[in-house]
């Protein structure tokens, strides 16, 4: 008796593996977008803090703007320093 491998199984496995791969990519993309949204929200919250609150956590207004990605060293007049 000669045993032949089933052709259907060999086709399903690569397709299943492909969809697993696509699923992992979509999951990574979703996690990345979620994390970026969290970071953007945290940066916005940091910028909304007044100087007293920033001082309480050991940051200056310039530090907060650097952390939030809005620091412009060439325009120090906005921050009250020259």
N, C-alpha and C. Protein backbone atom coordinates (compact mmCIF):
# COMPACT_ATOMS: atom_id res chain seq x y z
N UNK A 1 0.84 -1.17 0.00
CA UNK A 1 0.00 0.00 0.00
C UNK A 1 0.89 1.25 0.00
N UNK A 2 0.60 2.18 -0.89
CA UNK A 2 1.36 3.42 -0.99
C UNK A 2 0.54 4.53 -0.32
N UNK A 3 1.23 5.27 0.58
CA UNK A 3 0.55 6.37 1.28
C UNK A 3 0.96 7.68 0.62
N UNK A 4 -0.01 8.45 0.21
CA UNK A 4 0.26 9.74 -0.39
C UNK A 4 -0.21 10.84 0.57
N UNK A 5 0.60 11.90 0.67
CA UNK A 5 0.17 13.00 1.55
C UNK A 5 -1.06 13.70 0.98
N UNK A 6 -1.88 14.14 1.85
CA UNK A 6 -3.10 14.84 1.45
C UNK A 6 -2.73 16.24 0.95
N UNK A 7 -3.16 16.60 -0.23
CA UNK A 7 -2.84 17.89 -0.81
C UNK A 7 -3.53 19.04 -0.07
N UNK A 8 -4.70 18.79 0.46
CA UNK A 8 -5.47 19.86 1.11
C UNK A 8 -4.75 20.38 2.36
N UNK A 9 -4.16 19.52 3.15
CA UNK A 9 -3.46 19.96 4.35
C UNK A 9 -2.28 20.86 4.01
N UNK A 10 -1.56 20.54 2.96
CA UNK A 10 -0.39 21.34 2.61
C UNK A 10 -0.80 22.73 2.13
N UNK A 11 -2.01 22.88 1.60
CA UNK A 11 -2.48 24.19 1.19
C UNK A 11 -3.01 25.01 2.37
N UNK A 12 -3.65 24.35 3.32
CA UNK A 12 -4.23 25.07 4.45
C UNK A 12 -3.18 25.64 5.38
N UNK A 13 -2.12 24.93 5.60
CA UNK A 13 -1.11 25.40 6.54
C UNK A 13 -0.46 26.72 6.10
N UNK A 14 0.00 26.86 4.85
CA UNK A 14 0.56 28.15 4.47
C UNK A 14 -0.47 29.29 4.53
N UNK A 15 -1.70 29.01 4.17
CA UNK A 15 -2.74 30.03 4.24
C UNK A 15 -3.00 30.40 5.68
N UNK A 16 -3.08 29.42 6.56
CA UNK A 16 -3.28 29.68 7.98
C UNK A 16 -2.12 30.48 8.53
N UNK A 17 -0.90 30.12 8.17
CA UNK A 17 0.29 30.86 8.61
C UNK A 17 0.28 32.29 8.09
N UNK A 18 -0.18 32.48 6.88
CA UNK A 18 -0.28 33.81 6.30
C UNK A 18 -1.24 34.67 7.10
N UNK A 19 -2.40 34.12 7.45
CA UNK A 19 -3.39 34.90 8.20
C UNK A 19 -2.91 35.17 9.63
N UNK A 20 -2.15 34.24 10.20
CA UNK A 20 -1.56 34.50 11.51
C UNK A 20 -0.58 35.67 11.42
N UNK A 21 0.21 35.69 10.38
CA UNK A 21 1.18 36.76 10.15
C UNK A 21 0.46 38.10 9.98
N UNK A 22 -0.58 38.12 9.17
CA UNK A 22 -1.37 39.34 8.97
C UNK A 22 -1.99 39.77 10.30
N UNK A 23 -2.49 38.84 11.06
CA UNK A 23 -3.07 39.15 12.37
C UNK A 23 -2.05 39.77 13.31
N UNK A 24 -0.83 39.24 13.31
CA UNK A 24 0.23 39.81 14.17
C UNK A 24 0.59 41.22 13.72
N UNK A 25 0.64 41.45 12.42
CA UNK A 25 0.92 42.79 11.91
C UNK A 25 -0.17 43.76 12.34
N UNK A 26 -1.43 43.37 12.19
CA UNK A 26 -2.54 44.24 12.57
C UNK A 26 -2.55 44.49 14.08
N UNK A 27 -2.22 43.47 14.86
CA UNK A 27 -2.15 43.64 16.30
C UNK A 27 -1.03 44.61 16.66
N UNK A 28 0.13 44.47 16.06
CA UNK A 28 1.24 45.38 16.30
C UNK A 28 0.86 46.80 15.91
N UNK A 29 0.21 46.95 14.77
CA UNK A 29 -0.21 48.27 14.30
C UNK A 29 -1.19 48.90 15.28
N UNK A 30 -2.15 48.13 15.75
CA UNK A 30 -3.12 48.64 16.72
C UNK A 30 -2.45 49.06 18.02
N UNK A 31 -1.51 48.24 18.50
CA UNK A 31 -0.80 48.57 19.74
C UNK A 31 0.05 49.83 19.56
N UNK A 32 0.68 49.96 18.40
CA UNK A 32 1.50 51.13 18.13
C UNK A 32 0.65 52.40 18.09
N UNK A 33 -0.49 52.34 17.42
CA UNK A 33 -1.37 53.49 17.35
C UNK A 33 -1.93 53.85 18.73
N UNK A 34 -2.26 52.84 19.51
CA UNK A 34 -2.76 53.08 20.86
C UNK A 34 -1.70 53.74 21.73
N UNK A 35 -0.47 53.26 21.65
CA UNK A 35 0.62 53.83 22.43
C UNK A 35 0.89 55.28 22.01
N UNK A 36 0.87 55.55 20.72
CA UNK A 36 1.09 56.92 20.26
C UNK A 36 -0.01 57.86 20.74
N UNK A 37 -1.23 57.37 20.77
CA UNK A 37 -2.34 58.18 21.29
C UNK A 37 -2.16 58.46 22.77
N UNK A 38 -1.71 57.46 23.53
CA UNK A 38 -1.45 57.66 24.96
C UNK A 38 -0.35 58.69 25.17
N UNK A 39 0.73 58.59 24.42
CA UNK A 39 1.85 59.52 24.56
C UNK A 39 1.40 60.93 24.19
N UNK A 40 0.62 61.08 23.14
CA UNK A 40 0.12 62.40 22.74
C UNK A 40 -0.75 62.99 23.84
N UNK A 41 -1.61 62.17 24.45
CA UNK A 41 -2.46 62.65 25.54
C UNK A 41 -1.61 63.07 26.73
N UNK A 42 -0.60 62.28 27.07
CA UNK A 42 0.28 62.60 28.20
C UNK A 42 1.05 63.90 27.93
N UNK A 43 1.51 64.08 26.73
CA UNK A 43 2.22 65.32 26.38
C UNK A 43 1.30 66.52 26.50
N UNK A 44 0.07 66.36 26.04
CA UNK A 44 -0.90 67.46 26.13
C UNK A 44 -1.18 67.79 27.60
N UNK A 45 -1.32 66.78 28.43
CA UNK A 45 -1.54 67.01 29.86
C UNK A 45 -0.37 67.74 30.49
N UNK A 46 0.83 67.37 30.10
CA UNK A 46 2.03 68.01 30.63
C UNK A 46 2.06 69.49 30.25
N UNK A 47 1.70 69.80 29.01
CA UNK A 47 1.69 71.20 28.57
C UNK A 47 0.61 72.02 29.25
N UNK A 48 -0.45 71.39 29.70
CA UNK A 48 -1.53 72.11 30.36
C UNK A 48 -1.26 72.38 31.84
N UNK A 49 -0.24 71.77 32.41
CA UNK A 49 0.09 72.01 33.81
C UNK A 49 0.62 73.42 33.98
N UNK A 50 0.25 74.04 35.11
CA UNK A 50 0.81 75.36 35.39
C UNK A 50 2.21 75.20 35.97
N UNK A 51 2.93 76.32 36.06
CA UNK A 51 4.33 76.28 36.50
C UNK A 51 4.49 75.72 37.91
N UNK A 52 3.49 75.96 38.78
CA UNK A 52 3.56 75.44 40.14
C UNK A 52 3.53 73.90 40.14
N UNK A 53 2.63 73.34 39.37
CA UNK A 53 2.56 71.87 39.29
C UNK A 53 3.82 71.28 38.67
N UNK A 54 4.32 71.93 37.63
CA UNK A 54 5.56 71.45 37.01
C UNK A 54 6.70 71.50 38.01
N UNK A 55 6.78 72.58 38.79
CA UNK A 55 7.82 72.71 39.80
C UNK A 55 7.69 71.59 40.85
N UNK A 56 6.45 71.23 41.20
CA UNK A 56 6.22 70.15 42.17
C UNK A 56 6.80 68.82 41.70
N UNK A 57 6.80 68.59 40.39
CA UNK A 57 7.35 67.33 39.88
C UNK A 57 8.78 67.49 39.38
N UNK A 58 9.35 68.66 39.64
CA UNK A 58 10.75 68.88 39.33
C UNK A 58 11.05 69.26 37.90
N UNK A 59 10.07 69.87 37.23
CA UNK A 59 10.26 70.28 35.83
C UNK A 59 10.03 71.77 35.68
N UNK A 60 10.73 72.37 34.73
CA UNK A 60 10.46 73.76 34.36
C UNK A 60 9.54 73.74 33.14
N UNK A 61 9.06 74.90 32.76
CA UNK A 61 8.22 75.01 31.55
C UNK A 61 9.01 74.54 30.33
N UNK A 62 10.29 74.91 30.26
CA UNK A 62 11.14 74.48 29.14
C UNK A 62 11.30 72.96 29.13
N UNK A 63 11.49 72.37 30.32
CA UNK A 63 11.58 70.90 30.40
C UNK A 63 10.31 70.25 29.87
N UNK A 64 9.17 70.79 30.28
CA UNK A 64 7.88 70.23 29.85
C UNK A 64 7.74 70.34 28.33
N UNK A 65 8.14 71.47 27.78
CA UNK A 65 8.03 71.64 26.33
C UNK A 65 9.01 70.73 25.59
N UNK A 66 10.18 70.51 26.16
CA UNK A 66 11.12 69.57 25.55
C UNK A 66 10.53 68.17 25.55
N UNK A 67 9.96 67.77 26.68
CA UNK A 67 9.37 66.43 26.77
C UNK A 67 8.17 66.29 25.85
N UNK A 68 7.45 67.37 25.65
CA UNK A 68 6.27 67.34 24.78
C UNK A 68 6.62 67.54 23.31
N UNK A 69 7.90 67.80 23.02
CA UNK A 69 8.31 67.95 21.63
C UNK A 69 8.04 69.30 21.04
N UNK A 70 7.81 70.31 21.88
CA UNK A 70 7.52 71.64 21.38
C UNK A 70 8.60 72.65 21.75
N UNK A 71 9.74 72.20 22.12
CA UNK A 71 10.82 73.09 22.55
C UNK A 71 11.44 73.78 21.36
N UNK A 72 11.56 75.10 21.45
CA UNK A 72 12.20 75.89 20.40
C UNK A 72 13.29 76.72 21.05
N UNK A 73 14.52 76.25 21.08
CA UNK A 73 15.58 76.97 21.77
C UNK A 73 15.87 78.34 21.18
N UNK A 74 15.52 78.58 19.92
CA UNK A 74 15.80 79.86 19.29
C UNK A 74 14.78 80.93 19.69
N UNK A 75 13.71 80.53 20.39
CA UNK A 75 12.68 81.49 20.77
C UNK A 75 12.48 81.48 22.28
N UNK A 76 13.50 81.84 23.02
CA UNK A 76 13.46 81.82 24.48
C UNK A 76 12.61 82.94 25.06
N UNK A 77 12.29 83.97 24.28
CA UNK A 77 11.50 85.07 24.80
C UNK A 77 10.12 84.64 25.25
N UNK A 78 9.56 83.60 24.63
CA UNK A 78 8.24 83.11 25.04
C UNK A 78 8.25 82.60 26.46
N UNK A 79 9.41 82.15 26.94
CA UNK A 79 9.52 81.52 28.24
C UNK A 79 10.00 82.48 29.32
N UNK A 80 10.17 83.73 28.97
CA UNK A 80 10.57 84.72 29.94
C UNK A 80 12.06 84.76 30.21
N UNK A 81 12.88 84.01 29.49
CA UNK A 81 14.32 84.06 29.68
C UNK A 81 14.97 84.60 28.41
N UNK A 82 16.14 85.22 28.55
CA UNK A 82 16.82 85.80 27.38
C UNK A 82 18.15 85.15 27.16
